[in-house]
């Protein structure tokens, strides 16, 4: 039985990440190491720091990453791409050229008899009105059309600069440490959602850039996947057990 892998938050192309090229190559080597063991790979958002797709133009770069994803899908591996708050603006390029399955909303699916609730996590359970307003603006079709009217030399520069400043506002470029069950939006959201959907076995999220594996009850866990900037973490489900792992190059991977 082949395994299913989950990872998120590489923020490829970020101007706030000094080791960006090394980071991309490390991600590609990880994907290469699992290509014969994977039934599916779920990329749970913010794989790019800023991805804005015009009708006939896509951002330059990422050739190693996109090439490896294409190799996986050519081999028959399902690759699911969830839009995050940094790469909302996907069109059909990643589907047509790379064979990815795009998800723009949280997705519930059964994998080897277990029920997974999968999402990037932005906006879920978050009471911050400023963030909600910003998120609404990013999802606005009208504002997207206006942004698309700008020449890519300006719009891409604007987007990459905004994303850089967003990351630099964090201390050492990292999100706050785990704040406890009562204060983590994704944990609170999962608990409330579970009341109406008690069949869910695993909630899996990105977005928060922390590693978390928390039992909500005897049958349900919530996992937050860390990132591929500082932690290089991922989850793997072998059909029976779900593990949160760290990719360390040179070690034999399970």
C-alpha atoms as a PDB file:
ATOM      1  CA  UNK A   1       0.000   0.000   0.000  1.00  0.00           C
ATOM      2  CA  UNK A   2       1.401   3.383  -0.992  1.00  0.00           C
ATOM      3  CA  UNK A   3       1.384   6.326   1.425  1.00  0.00           C
ATOM      4  CA  UNK A   4      -0.271   9.742   1.230  1.00  0.00           C
ATOM      5  CA  UNK A   5       1.756  12.866   2.003  1.00  0.00           C
ATOM      6  CA  UNK A   6       0.750  16.332   3.251  1.00  0.00           C
ATOM      7  CA  UNK A   7       2.862  19.496   3.326  1.00  0.00           C
ATOM      8  CA  UNK A   8       2.387  23.246   3.115  1.00  0.00           C
ATOM      9  CA  UNK A   9       3.863  26.728   3.344  1.00  0.00           C
ATOM     10  CA  UNK A  10       7.041  26.718   1.299  1.00  0.00           C
ATOM     11  CA  UNK A  11       6.465  30.335   0.199  1.00  0.00           C
ATOM     12  CA  UNK A  12       8.704  29.750  -2.812  1.00  0.00           C
ATOM     13  CA  UNK A  13       9.980  32.960  -4.353  1.00  0.00           C
ATOM     14  CA  UNK A  14       9.809  34.937  -1.121  1.00  0.00           C
ATOM     15  CA  UNK A  15      12.196  37.872  -1.052  1.00  0.00           C
ATOM     16  CA  UNK A  16      12.361  37.495   2.721  1.00  0.00           C
ATOM     17  CA  UNK A  17      13.969  34.024   2.485  1.00  0.00           C
ATOM     18  CA  UNK A  18      17.700  34.223   1.860  1.00  0.00           C
ATOM     19  CA  UNK A  19      18.100  30.527   1.039  1.00  0.00           C
ATOM     20  CA  UNK A  20      15.281  30.439  -1.540  1.00  0.00           C
ATOM     21  CA  UNK A  21      17.076  28.467  -4.260  1.00  0.00           C
ATOM     22  CA  UNK A  22      18.427  25.946  -1.744  1.00  0.00           C
ATOM     23  CA  UNK A  23      14.972  25.685  -0.198  1.00  0.00           C
ATOM     24  CA  UNK A  24      13.350  24.894  -3.560  1.00  0.00           C
ATOM     25  CA  UNK A  25      15.959  22.252  -4.354  1.00  0.00           C
ATOM     26  CA  UNK A  26      15.449  20.639  -0.953  1.00  0.00           C
ATOM     27  CA  UNK A  27      11.700  20.476  -1.551  1.00  0.00           C
ATOM     28  CA  UNK A  28      12.283  18.928  -4.971  1.00  0.00           C
ATOM     29  CA  UNK A  29      14.646  16.320  -3.531  1.00  0.00           C
ATOM     30  CA  UNK A  30      12.002  15.403  -0.952  1.00  0.00           C
ATOM     31  CA  UNK A  31       9.354  14.993  -3.650  1.00  0.00           C
ATOM     32  CA  UNK A  32      11.785  12.894  -5.657  1.00  0.00           C
ATOM     33  CA  UNK A  33      12.439  10.679  -2.618  1.00  0.00           C
ATOM     34  CA  UNK A  34       8.730   9.826  -2.244  1.00  0.00           C
ATOM     35  CA  UNK A  35       7.679   9.541  -5.889  1.00  0.00           C
ATOM     36  CA  UNK A  36       7.663   5.738  -5.881  1.00  0.00           C
ATOM     37  CA  UNK A  37       6.042   5.520  -2.426  1.00  0.00           C
ATOM     38  CA  UNK A  38       3.253   8.079  -2.842  1.00  0.00           C
ATOM     39  CA  UNK A  39      -0.326   7.408  -3.874  1.00  0.00           C
ATOM     40  CA  UNK A  40      -1.115  11.111  -3.471  1.00  0.00           C
ATOM     41  CA  UNK A  41       0.470  14.365  -2.323  1.00  0.00           C
ATOM     42  CA  UNK A  42      -1.595  17.164  -0.779  1.00  0.00           C
ATOM     43  CA  UNK A  43      -0.034  20.637  -0.905  1.00  0.00           C
ATOM     44  CA  UNK A  44      -2.056  22.586   1.645  1.00  0.00           C
ATOM     45  CA  UNK A  45      -1.487  26.154   0.554  1.00  0.00           C
ATOM     46  CA  UNK A  46       1.086  28.945   0.304  1.00  0.00           C
ATOM     47  CA  UNK A  47       3.508  26.846  -1.679  1.00  0.00           C
ATOM     48  CA  UNK A  48       4.300  30.121  -3.477  1.00  0.00           C
ATOM     49  CA  UNK A  49       4.859  33.409  -1.691  1.00  0.00           C
ATOM     50  CA  UNK A  50       2.973  35.211  -4.429  1.00  0.00           C
ATOM     51  CA  UNK A  51       1.417  33.560  -7.448  1.00  0.00           C
ATOM     52  CA  UNK A  52      -0.723  35.657  -9.744  1.00  0.00           C
ATOM     53  CA  UNK A  53      -1.786  34.071 -12.993  1.00  0.00           C
ATOM     54  CA  UNK A  54      -2.730  36.222 -15.963  1.00  0.00           C
ATOM     55  CA  UNK A  55      -4.594  34.820 -18.957  1.00  0.00           C
ATOM     56  CA  UNK A  56      -1.418  34.279 -20.985  1.00  0.00           C
ATOM     57  CA  UNK A  57       1.311  35.005 -18.424  1.00  0.00           C
ATOM     58  CA  UNK A  58       2.452  33.131 -15.298  1.00  0.00           C
ATOM     59  CA  UNK A  59       5.207  34.069 -12.807  1.00  0.00           C
ATOM     60  CA  UNK A  60       8.752  33.210 -13.841  1.00  0.00           C
ATOM     61  CA  UNK A  61      10.806  30.726 -11.875  1.00  0.00           C
ATOM     62  CA  UNK A  62       9.877  27.587  -9.914  1.00  0.00           C
ATOM     63  CA  UNK A  63      10.922  25.380 -12.854  1.00  0.00           C
ATOM     64  CA  UNK A  64      12.450  22.651 -10.676  1.00  0.00           C
ATOM     65  CA  UNK A  65       9.374  22.480  -8.449  1.00  0.00           C
ATOM     66  CA  UNK A  66       6.832  22.555 -11.275  1.00  0.00           C
ATOM     67  CA  UNK A  67       8.852  20.031 -13.251  1.00  0.00           C
ATOM     68  CA  UNK A  68       8.911  17.603 -10.323  1.00  0.00           C
ATOM     69  CA  UNK A  69       5.148  17.983  -9.767  1.00  0.00           C
ATOM     70  CA  UNK A  70       4.614  17.258 -13.451  1.00  0.00           C
ATOM     71  CA  UNK A  71       6.789  14.161 -13.185  1.00  0.00           C
ATOM     72  CA  UNK A  72       4.717  12.928 -10.241  1.00  0.00           C
ATOM     73  CA  UNK A  73       1.400  13.401 -12.031  1.00  0.00           C
ATOM     74  CA  UNK A  74       2.826  11.782 -15.181  1.00  0.00           C
ATOM     75  CA  UNK A  75       3.643   8.757 -13.003  1.00  0.00           C
ATOM     76  CA  UNK A  76       0.038   8.570 -11.833  1.00  0.00           C
ATOM     77  CA  UNK A  77       0.518  10.198  -8.419  1.00  0.00           C
ATOM     78  CA  UNK A  78      -2.404  12.452  -7.495  1.00  0.00           C
ATOM     79  CA  UNK A  79      -1.158  15.925  -6.573  1.00  0.00           C
ATOM     80  CA  UNK A  80      -3.694  18.185  -4.873  1.00  0.00           C
ATOM     81  CA  UNK A  81      -2.944  21.904  -4.650  1.00  0.00           C
ATOM     82  CA  UNK A  82      -4.838  24.031  -2.125  1.00  0.00           C
ATOM     83  CA  UNK A  83      -4.798  27.777  -2.621  1.00  0.00           C
ATOM     84  CA  UNK A  84      -3.559  29.671   0.425  1.00  0.00           C
ATOM     85  CA  UNK A  85      -3.687  33.339   1.248  1.00  0.00           C
ATOM     86  CA  UNK A  86      -0.499  33.949  -0.775  1.00  0.00           C
ATOM     87  CA  UNK A  87      -1.392  31.938  -3.884  1.00  0.00           C
ATOM     88  CA  UNK A  88      -5.145  32.474  -4.176  1.00  0.00           C
ATOM     89  CA  UNK A  89      -4.886  33.690  -7.742  1.00  0.00           C
ATOM     90  CA  UNK A  90      -4.481  30.424  -9.641  1.00  0.00           C
ATOM     91  CA  UNK A  91      -6.127  29.984 -13.009  1.00  0.00           C
ATOM     92  CA  UNK A  92      -5.897  26.769 -14.996  1.00  0.00           C
ATOM     93  CA  UNK A  93      -2.162  26.722 -15.697  1.00  0.00           C
ATOM     94  CA  UNK A  94      -1.206  24.326 -12.892  1.00  0.00           C
ATOM     95  CA  UNK A  95      -4.003  21.977 -13.926  1.00  0.00           C
ATOM     96  CA  UNK A  96      -3.362  22.057 -17.669  1.00  0.00           C
ATOM     97  CA  UNK A  97       0.436  22.068 -17.619  1.00  0.00           C
ATOM     98  CA  UNK A  98       1.267  20.143 -14.433  1.00  0.00           C
ATOM     99  CA  UNK A  99      -1.797  17.946 -13.908  1.00  0.00           C
ATOM    100  CA  UNK A 100      -2.583  19.285 -10.434  1.00  0.00           C
ATOM    101  CA  UNK A 101      -6.010  19.063  -8.809  1.00  0.00           C
ATOM    102  CA  UNK A 102      -6.881  22.543  -7.482  1.00  0.00           C
ATOM    103  CA  UNK A 103      -8.894  23.113  -4.285  1.00  0.00           C
ATOM    104  CA  UNK A 104     -10.084  26.609  -3.430  1.00  0.00           C
ATOM    105  CA  UNK A 105     -12.126  25.645  -0.354  1.00  0.00           C
ATOM    106  CA  UNK A 106     -11.685  23.174   2.537  1.00  0.00           C
ATOM    107  CA  UNK A 107     -12.020  19.612   1.303  1.00  0.00           C
ATOM    108  CA  UNK A 108     -13.286  16.525   3.102  1.00  0.00           C
ATOM    109  CA  UNK A 109     -12.207  13.163   1.699  1.00  0.00           C
ATOM    110  CA  UNK A 110     -11.867   9.540   2.716  1.00  0.00           C
ATOM    111  CA  UNK A 111      -8.393   8.026   2.508  1.00  0.00           C
ATOM    112  CA  UNK A 112      -7.938   4.326   3.262  1.00  0.00           C
ATOM    113  CA  UNK A 113     -11.132   4.298   5.320  1.00  0.00           C
ATOM    114  CA  UNK A 114     -10.348   7.409   7.394  1.00  0.00           C
ATOM    115  CA  UNK A 115     -12.053  10.791   6.970  1.00  0.00           C
ATOM    116  CA  UNK A 116      -9.777  13.797   6.472  1.00  0.00           C
ATOM    117  CA  UNK A 117     -10.768  17.468   6.630  1.00  0.00           C
ATOM    118  CA  UNK A 118      -8.096  19.346   4.675  1.00  0.00           C
ATOM    119  CA  UNK A 119      -7.624  23.107   4.365  1.00  0.00           C
ATOM    120  CA  UNK A 120      -4.947  25.759   4.230  1.00  0.00           C
ATOM    121  CA  UNK A 121      -6.540  27.271   7.320  1.00  0.00           C
ATOM    122  CA  UNK A 122      -6.592  31.017   6.666  1.00  0.00           C
ATOM    123  CA  UNK A 123      -9.767  32.623   7.967  1.00  0.00           C
ATOM    124  CA  UNK A 124     -11.025  29.525   9.779  1.00  0.00           C
ATOM    125  CA  UNK A 125     -12.053  30.528  13.272  1.00  0.00           C
ATOM    126  CA  UNK A 126     -10.176  33.835  12.981  1.00  0.00           C
ATOM    127  CA  UNK A 127     -12.114  36.714  14.577  1.00  0.00           C
ATOM    128  CA  UNK A 128      -9.717  39.401  13.273  1.00  0.00           C
ATOM    129  CA  UNK A 129     -11.910  41.845  11.317  1.00  0.00           C
ATOM    130  CA  UNK A 130      -8.950  43.420   9.501  1.00  0.00           C
ATOM    131  CA  UNK A 131      -7.811  40.013   8.261  1.00  0.00           C
ATOM    132  CA  UNK A 132     -11.345  39.134   7.172  1.00  0.00           C
ATOM    133  CA  UNK A 133     -11.596  42.406   5.230  1.00  0.00           C
ATOM    134  CA  UNK A 134      -8.236  41.810   3.566  1.00  0.00           C
ATOM    135  CA  UNK A 135      -9.148  38.214   2.723  1.00  0.00           C
ATOM    136  CA  UNK A 136     -12.454  39.367   1.234  1.00  0.00           C
ATOM    137  CA  UNK A 137     -10.596  41.895  -0.920  1.00  0.00           C
ATOM    138  CA  UNK A 138      -8.156  39.246  -2.155  1.00  0.00           C
ATOM    139  CA  UNK A 139     -11.061  37.013  -3.183  1.00  0.00           C
ATOM    140  CA  UNK A 140     -12.992  39.826  -4.897  1.00  0.00           C
ATOM    141  CA  UNK A 141     -13.443  39.120  -8.620  1.00  0.00           C
ATOM    142  CA  UNK A 142     -13.774  42.844  -9.294  1.00  0.00           C
ATOM    143  CA  UNK A 143     -10.488  43.700  -7.597  1.00  0.00           C
ATOM    144  CA  UNK A 144      -8.783  40.776  -9.321  1.00  0.00           C
ATOM    145  CA  UNK A 145      -9.897  42.103 -12.720  1.00  0.00           C
ATOM    146  CA  UNK A 146      -8.560  45.556 -11.839  1.00  0.00           C
ATOM    147  CA  UNK A 147      -5.253  44.063 -10.669  1.00  0.00           C
ATOM    148  CA  UNK A 148      -5.010  42.047 -13.887  1.00  0.00           C
ATOM    149  CA  UNK A 149      -5.248  45.299 -15.858  1.00  0.00           C
ATOM    150  CA  UNK A 150      -1.844  46.329 -14.490  1.00  0.00           C
ATOM    151  CA  UNK A 151       1.255  45.348 -16.423  1.00  0.00           C
ATOM    152  CA  UNK A 152       2.935  42.309 -14.810  1.00  0.00           C
ATOM    153  CA  UNK A 153       6.121  44.328 -14.227  1.00  0.00           C
ATOM    154  CA  UNK A 154       4.157  46.426 -11.724  1.00  0.00           C
ATOM    155  CA  UNK A 155       1.610  43.946 -10.398  1.00  0.00           C
ATOM    156  CA  UNK A 156       4.157  41.191  -9.703  1.00  0.00           C
ATOM    157  CA  UNK A 157       6.514  43.685  -8.075  1.00  0.00           C
ATOM    158  CA  UNK A 158       3.680  44.935  -5.887  1.00  0.00           C
ATOM    159  CA  UNK A 159       2.644  41.418  -4.865  1.00  0.00           C
ATOM    160  CA  UNK A 160       6.169  40.176  -4.098  1.00  0.00           C
ATOM    161  CA  UNK A 161       6.971  43.311  -2.091  1.00  0.00           C
ATOM    162  CA  UNK A 162       3.740  43.019  -0.081  1.00  0.00           C
ATOM    163  CA  UNK A 163       4.460  39.360   0.667  1.00  0.00           C
ATOM    164  CA  UNK A 164       8.024  40.187   1.749  1.00  0.00           C
ATOM    165  CA  UNK A 165       6.850  42.856   4.187  1.00  0.00           C
ATOM    166  CA  UNK A 166       4.202  40.461   5.536  1.00  0.00           C
ATOM    167  CA  UNK A 167       6.901  37.934   6.468  1.00  0.00           C
ATOM    168  CA  UNK A 168       9.380  40.470   7.811  1.00  0.00           C
ATOM    169  CA  UNK A 169       6.788  41.719  10.300  1.00  0.00           C
ATOM    170  CA  UNK A 170       7.176  38.404  12.166  1.00  0.00           C
ATOM    171  CA  UNK A 171       9.887  38.029  14.776  1.00  0.00           C
ATOM    172  CA  UNK A 172      12.802  36.178  13.122  1.00  0.00           C
ATOM    173  CA  UNK A 173      10.431  35.477  10.232  1.00  0.00           C
ATOM    174  CA  UNK A 174       8.498  32.964  12.361  1.00  0.00           C
ATOM    175  CA  UNK A 175       4.895  32.808  13.516  1.00  0.00           C
ATOM    176  CA  UNK A 176       4.107  32.909  17.271  1.00  0.00           C
ATOM    177  CA  UNK A 177       4.634  29.652  19.131  1.00  0.00           C
ATOM    178  CA  UNK A 178       1.685  27.404  19.989  1.00  0.00           C
ATOM    179  CA  UNK A 179      -0.747  29.441  22.096  1.00  0.00           C
ATOM    180  CA  UNK A 180      -2.793  26.642  23.656  1.00  0.00           C
ATOM    181  CA  UNK A 181      -6.094  25.043  22.711  1.00  0.00           C
ATOM    182  CA  UNK A 182      -8.193  27.985  23.875  1.00  0.00           C
ATOM    183  CA  UNK A 183      -6.254  30.516  21.773  1.00  0.00           C
ATOM    184  CA  UNK A 184      -5.495  28.648  18.554  1.00  0.00           C
ATOM    185  CA  UNK A 185      -8.083  29.567  15.927  1.00  0.00           C
ATOM    186  CA  UNK A 186      -7.697  26.325  13.993  1.00  0.00           C
ATOM    187  CA  UNK A 187      -8.102  24.182  17.104  1.00  0.00           C
ATOM    188  CA  UNK A 188     -11.206  26.101  18.181  1.00  0.00           C
ATOM    189  CA  UNK A 189     -12.631  25.888  14.678  1.00  0.00           C
ATOM    190  CA  UNK A 190     -11.990  22.129  14.507  1.00  0.00           C
ATOM    191  CA  UNK A 191     -13.716  21.521  17.818  1.00  0.00           C
ATOM    192  CA  UNK A 192     -16.813  23.417  16.680  1.00  0.00           C
ATOM    193  CA  UNK A 193     -16.866  21.762  13.256  1.00  0.00           C
ATOM    194  CA  UNK A 194     -16.499  18.331  14.825  1.00  0.00           C
ATOM    195  CA  UNK A 195     -19.749  18.797  16.759  1.00  0.00           C
ATOM    196  CA  UNK A 196     -21.691  18.705  13.478  1.00  0.00           C
ATOM    197  CA  UNK A 197     -19.338  16.295  11.671  1.00  0.00           C
ATOM    198  CA  UNK A 198     -18.333  13.655  14.235  1.00  0.00           C
ATOM    199  CA  UNK A 199     -17.112  11.235  11.559  1.00  0.00           C
ATOM    200  CA  UNK A 200     -13.920  13.201  10.883  1.00  0.00           C
ATOM    201  CA  UNK A 201     -10.742  11.426  11.983  1.00  0.00           C
ATOM    202  CA  UNK A 202      -8.108  13.997  11.007  1.00  0.00           C
ATOM    203  CA  UNK A 203      -8.086  17.761  10.560  1.00  0.00           C
ATOM    204  CA  UNK A 204      -4.949  18.758   8.638  1.00  0.00           C
ATOM    205  CA  UNK A 205      -3.953  22.398   8.129  1.00  0.00           C
ATOM    206  CA  UNK A 206      -1.121  24.636   7.020  1.00  0.00           C
ATOM    207  CA  UNK A 207      -1.013  28.429   7.452  1.00  0.00           C
ATOM    208  CA  UNK A 208       0.152  28.698  11.078  1.00  0.00           C
ATOM    209  CA  UNK A 209       3.797  27.662  10.500  1.00  0.00           C
ATOM    210  CA  UNK A 210       3.905  25.591  13.677  1.00  0.00           C
ATOM    211  CA  UNK A 211       4.067  21.834  14.240  1.00  0.00           C
ATOM    212  CA  UNK A 212       1.055  20.533  16.119  1.00  0.00           C
ATOM    213  CA  UNK A 213      -0.391  17.049  16.632  1.00  0.00           C
ATOM    214  CA  UNK A 214      -3.294  17.237  19.077  1.00  0.00           C
ATOM    215  CA  UNK A 215      -5.920  14.700  20.075  1.00  0.00           C
ATOM    216  CA  UNK A 216      -9.402  16.243  20.130  1.00  0.00           C
ATOM    217  CA  UNK A 217     -11.011  12.989  21.302  1.00  0.00           C
ATOM    218  CA  UNK A 218     -10.328   9.272  21.154  1.00  0.00           C
ATOM    219  CA  UNK A 219     -11.011   9.159  17.394  1.00  0.00           C
ATOM    220  CA  UNK A 220      -9.984  12.604  16.106  1.00  0.00           C
ATOM    221  CA  UNK A 221      -6.707  14.507  15.797  1.00  0.00           C
ATOM    222  CA  UNK A 222      -5.786  17.920  14.463  1.00  0.00           C
ATOM    223  CA  UNK A 223      -2.419  18.422  12.747  1.00  0.00           C
ATOM    224  CA  UNK A 224      -0.753  21.681  11.711  1.00  0.00           C
ATOM    225  CA  UNK A 225       2.040  20.945   9.286  1.00  0.00           C
ATOM    226  CA  UNK A 226       4.767  23.441  10.154  1.00  0.00           C
ATOM    227  CA  UNK A 227       6.441  24.790   7.009  1.00  0.00           C
ATOM    228  CA  UNK A 228       9.175  24.350   4.415  1.00  0.00           C
ATOM    229  CA  UNK A 229      11.072  27.479   5.457  1.00  0.00           C
ATOM    230  CA  UNK A 230      12.352  26.683   8.942  1.00  0.00           C
ATOM    231  CA  UNK A 231      11.066  23.206   9.816  1.00  0.00           C
ATOM    232  CA  UNK A 232      10.832  21.146   6.584  1.00  0.00           C
ATOM    233  CA  UNK A 233       8.004  19.100   8.051  1.00  0.00           C
ATOM    234  CA  UNK A 234       5.292  16.983   6.492  1.00  0.00           C
ATOM    235  CA  UNK A 235       2.682  14.401   7.455  1.00  0.00           C
ATOM    236  CA  UNK A 236       2.480  10.909   6.017  1.00  0.00           C
ATOM    237  CA  UNK A 237      -0.434   8.476   6.236  1.00  0.00           C
ATOM    238  CA  UNK A 238       0.380   4.824   5.584  1.00  0.00           C
ATOM    239  CA  UNK A 239      -3.208   3.601   5.680  1.00  0.00           C
ATOM    240  CA  UNK A 240      -3.185   2.947   9.418  1.00  0.00           C
ATOM    241  CA  UNK A 241      -1.129   5.650  11.110  1.00  0.00           C
ATOM    242  CA  UNK A 242      -0.624   9.382  10.493  1.00  0.00           C
ATOM    243  CA  UNK A 243       2.809  10.700  11.410  1.00  0.00           C
ATOM    244  CA  UNK A 244       4.247  14.228  11.511  1.00  0.00           C
ATOM    245  CA  UNK A 245       7.814  13.965  10.218  1.00  0.00           C
ATOM    246  CA  UNK A 246      10.823  16.176   9.460  1.00  0.00           C
ATOM    247  CA  UNK A 247      12.713  15.798   6.197  1.00  0.00           C
ATOM    248  CA  UNK A 248      16.405  15.470   6.991  1.00  0.00           C
ATOM    249  CA  UNK A 249      18.535  14.950   3.929  1.00  0.00           C
ATOM    250  CA  UNK A 250      20.823  11.941   4.067  1.00  0.00           C
ATOM    251  CA  UNK A 251      18.575   9.978   6.399  1.00  0.00           C
ATOM    252  CA  UNK A 252      16.604   6.992   5.219  1.00  0.00           C
ATOM    253  CA  UNK A 253      12.997   8.056   4.972  1.00  0.00           C
ATOM    254  CA  UNK A 254      10.250   5.733   6.300  1.00  0.00           C
END
